[in-house]
Amino acid sequence: GVVSTLLLKPGQTVSAGQSLLAVLPAGSTLEAQLLVPSQAIGFVRSGQRVVLRYQAFPYQKFGLHEGIVTQVSRSALSPQEVS
């Protein structure tokens, strides 16, 4: 598999039973649900290649990730549903 998430920092003390990392099984795919502003959704199509930058991980250090849009919802979410 591939380590997909590290839940600690080098040198950090851990406790028995504490989760340390998450492993994505070999051959599996990582999927995400992304929220797109309504004014931009017209530019998003199923099958389209996308480049992702994660706000929590600066792309200058961690790089960019590529993906493919598999589905675009036809219904919008209200602000209450998003928060």
C-alpha atoms as a PDB file:
ATOM      1  CA  GLY A   1       0.000   0.000   0.000  1.00  0.00           C
ATOM      2  CA  VAL A   2       0.824   3.691   0.046  1.00  0.00           C
ATOM      3  CA  VAL A   3       0.917   5.937   3.124  1.00  0.00           C
ATOM      4  CA  SER A   4      -1.784   8.511   2.439  1.00  0.00           C
ATOM      5  CA  THR A   5      -1.800  10.385   5.764  1.00  0.00           C
ATOM      6  CA  LEU A   6       0.745  10.896   8.542  1.00  0.00           C
ATOM      7  CA  LEU A   7      -0.920  11.774  11.825  1.00  0.00           C
ATOM      8  CA  LEU A   8       2.196  12.754  13.776  1.00  0.00           C
ATOM      9  CA  LYS A   9       5.408  14.722  13.479  1.00  0.00           C
ATOM     10  CA  PRO A  10       8.984  13.380  13.743  1.00  0.00           C
ATOM     11  CA  GLY A  11      10.026  13.126  17.400  1.00  0.00           C
ATOM     12  CA  GLN A  12       6.460  13.277  18.679  1.00  0.00           C
ATOM     13  CA  THR A  13       5.570  10.972  21.589  1.00  0.00           C
ATOM     14  CA  VAL A  14       2.818   8.430  20.907  1.00  0.00           C
ATOM     15  CA  SER A  15       0.474   6.489  23.164  1.00  0.00           C
ATOM     16  CA  ALA A  16      -0.579   2.843  22.971  1.00  0.00           C
ATOM     17  CA  GLY A  17      -3.493   2.488  20.571  1.00  0.00           C
ATOM     18  CA  GLN A  18      -2.915   5.887  18.939  1.00  0.00           C
ATOM     19  CA  SER A  19      -3.292   5.978  15.151  1.00  0.00           C
ATOM     20  CA  LEU A  20      -0.035   6.923  13.441  1.00  0.00           C
ATOM     21  CA  LEU A  21      -0.837   6.864   9.742  1.00  0.00           C
ATOM     22  CA  ALA A  22      -3.368   5.830   7.123  1.00  0.00           C
ATOM     23  CA  VAL A  23      -2.520   3.410   4.327  1.00  0.00           C
ATOM     24  CA  LEU A  24      -4.219   3.392   0.933  1.00  0.00           C
ATOM     25  CA  PRO A  25      -4.276  -0.229  -0.297  1.00  0.00           C
ATOM     26  CA  ALA A  26      -2.165  -1.007  -3.388  1.00  0.00           C
ATOM     27  CA  GLY A  27      -4.163  -0.756  -6.592  1.00  0.00           C
ATOM     28  CA  SER A  28      -6.949   1.308  -5.045  1.00  0.00           C
ATOM     29  CA  THR A  29      -7.935   4.813  -6.053  1.00  0.00           C
ATOM     30  CA  LEU A  30      -8.362   7.879  -3.886  1.00  0.00           C
ATOM     31  CA  GLU A  31     -11.660   9.719  -4.385  1.00  0.00           C
ATOM     32  CA  ALA A  32     -12.732  13.132  -3.140  1.00  0.00           C
ATOM     33  CA  GLN A  33     -15.892  15.205  -3.216  1.00  0.00           C
ATOM     34  CA  LEU A  34     -15.094  18.805  -4.108  1.00  0.00           C
ATOM     35  CA  LEU A  35     -17.333  21.835  -3.752  1.00  0.00           C
ATOM     36  CA  VAL A  36     -17.265  24.216  -6.716  1.00  0.00           C
ATOM     37  CA  PRO A  37     -18.767  27.736  -6.711  1.00  0.00           C
ATOM     38  CA  SER A  38     -21.948  27.935  -8.802  1.00  0.00           C
ATOM     39  CA  GLN A  39     -20.387  30.481 -11.181  1.00  0.00           C
ATOM     40  CA  ALA A  40     -17.583  27.995 -12.011  1.00  0.00           C
ATOM     41  CA  ILE A  41     -19.547  24.738 -12.305  1.00  0.00           C
ATOM     42  CA  GLY A  42     -20.252  25.343 -15.999  1.00  0.00           C
ATOM     43  CA  PHE A  43     -16.543  24.836 -16.694  1.00  0.00           C
ATOM     44  CA  VAL A  44     -16.438  21.393 -15.024  1.00  0.00           C
ATOM     45  CA  ARG A  45     -17.241  18.259 -17.040  1.00  0.00           C
ATOM     46  CA  SER A  46     -17.155  14.541 -16.359  1.00  0.00           C
ATOM     47  CA  GLY A  47     -13.940  13.011 -17.752  1.00  0.00           C
ATOM     48  CA  GLN A  48     -12.044  16.300 -17.483  1.00  0.00           C
ATOM     49  CA  ARG A  49      -8.487  16.205 -16.116  1.00  0.00           C
ATOM     50  CA  VAL A  50      -7.878  18.403 -13.082  1.00  0.00           C
ATOM     51  CA  VAL A  51      -4.833  19.558 -11.145  1.00  0.00           C
ATOM     52  CA  LEU A  52      -5.269  19.763  -7.371  1.00  0.00           C
ATOM     53  CA  ARG A  53      -3.444  21.953  -4.878  1.00  0.00           C
ATOM     54  CA  TYR A  54      -4.185  21.349  -1.206  1.00  0.00           C
ATOM     55  CA  GLN A  55      -4.486  24.437   0.979  1.00  0.00           C
ATOM     56  CA  ALA A  56      -2.977  22.610   3.972  1.00  0.00           C
ATOM     57  CA  PHE A  57       0.079  21.456   1.968  1.00  0.00           C
ATOM     58  CA  PRO A  58       1.885  24.193  -0.023  1.00  0.00           C
ATOM     59  CA  TYR A  59       2.276  22.968  -3.614  1.00  0.00           C
ATOM     60  CA  GLN A  60       5.760  24.500  -3.788  1.00  0.00           C
ATOM     61  CA  LYS A  61       6.903  21.887  -1.255  1.00  0.00           C
ATOM     62  CA  PHE A  62       4.461  18.996  -1.752  1.00  0.00           C
ATOM     63  CA  GLY A  63       3.734  19.370  -5.458  1.00  0.00           C
ATOM     64  CA  LEU A  64       0.501  19.141  -7.403  1.00  0.00           C
ATOM     65  CA  HIS A  65      -1.755  16.128  -7.839  1.00  0.00           C
ATOM     66  CA  GLU A  66      -3.700  15.166 -10.922  1.00  0.00           C
ATOM     67  CA  GLY A  67      -7.149  13.640 -11.090  1.00  0.00           C
ATOM     68  CA  ILE A  68     -10.144  13.079 -13.324  1.00  0.00           C
ATOM     69  CA  VAL A  69     -13.684  14.329 -12.742  1.00  0.00           C
ATOM     70  CA  THR A  70     -15.920  11.255 -12.545  1.00  0.00           C
ATOM     71  CA  GLN A  71     -19.258  12.898 -11.799  1.00  0.00           C
ATOM     72  CA  VAL A  72     -20.802  16.375 -11.629  1.00  0.00           C
ATOM     73  CA  SER A  73     -23.920  16.817  -9.502  1.00  0.00           C
ATOM     74  CA  ARG A  74     -26.918  18.490 -11.107  1.00  0.00           C
ATOM     75  CA  SER A  75     -28.159  19.926  -7.819  1.00  0.00           C
ATOM     76  CA  ALA A  76     -26.709  22.842  -5.897  1.00  0.00           C
ATOM     77  CA  LEU A  77     -26.135  22.898  -2.142  1.00  0.00           C
ATOM     78  CA  SER A  78     -27.476  25.687   0.041  1.00  0.00           C
ATOM     79  CA  PRO A  79     -25.033  27.597   2.276  1.00  0.00           C
ATOM     80  CA  GLN A  80     -26.504  25.746   5.290  1.00  0.00           C
ATOM     81  CA  GLU A  81     -25.757  22.351   3.680  1.00  0.00           C
ATOM     82  CA  VAL A  82     -22.140  23.343   3.008  1.00  0.00           C
ATOM     83  CA  SER A  83     -21.314  24.568   6.523  1.00  0.00           C
END
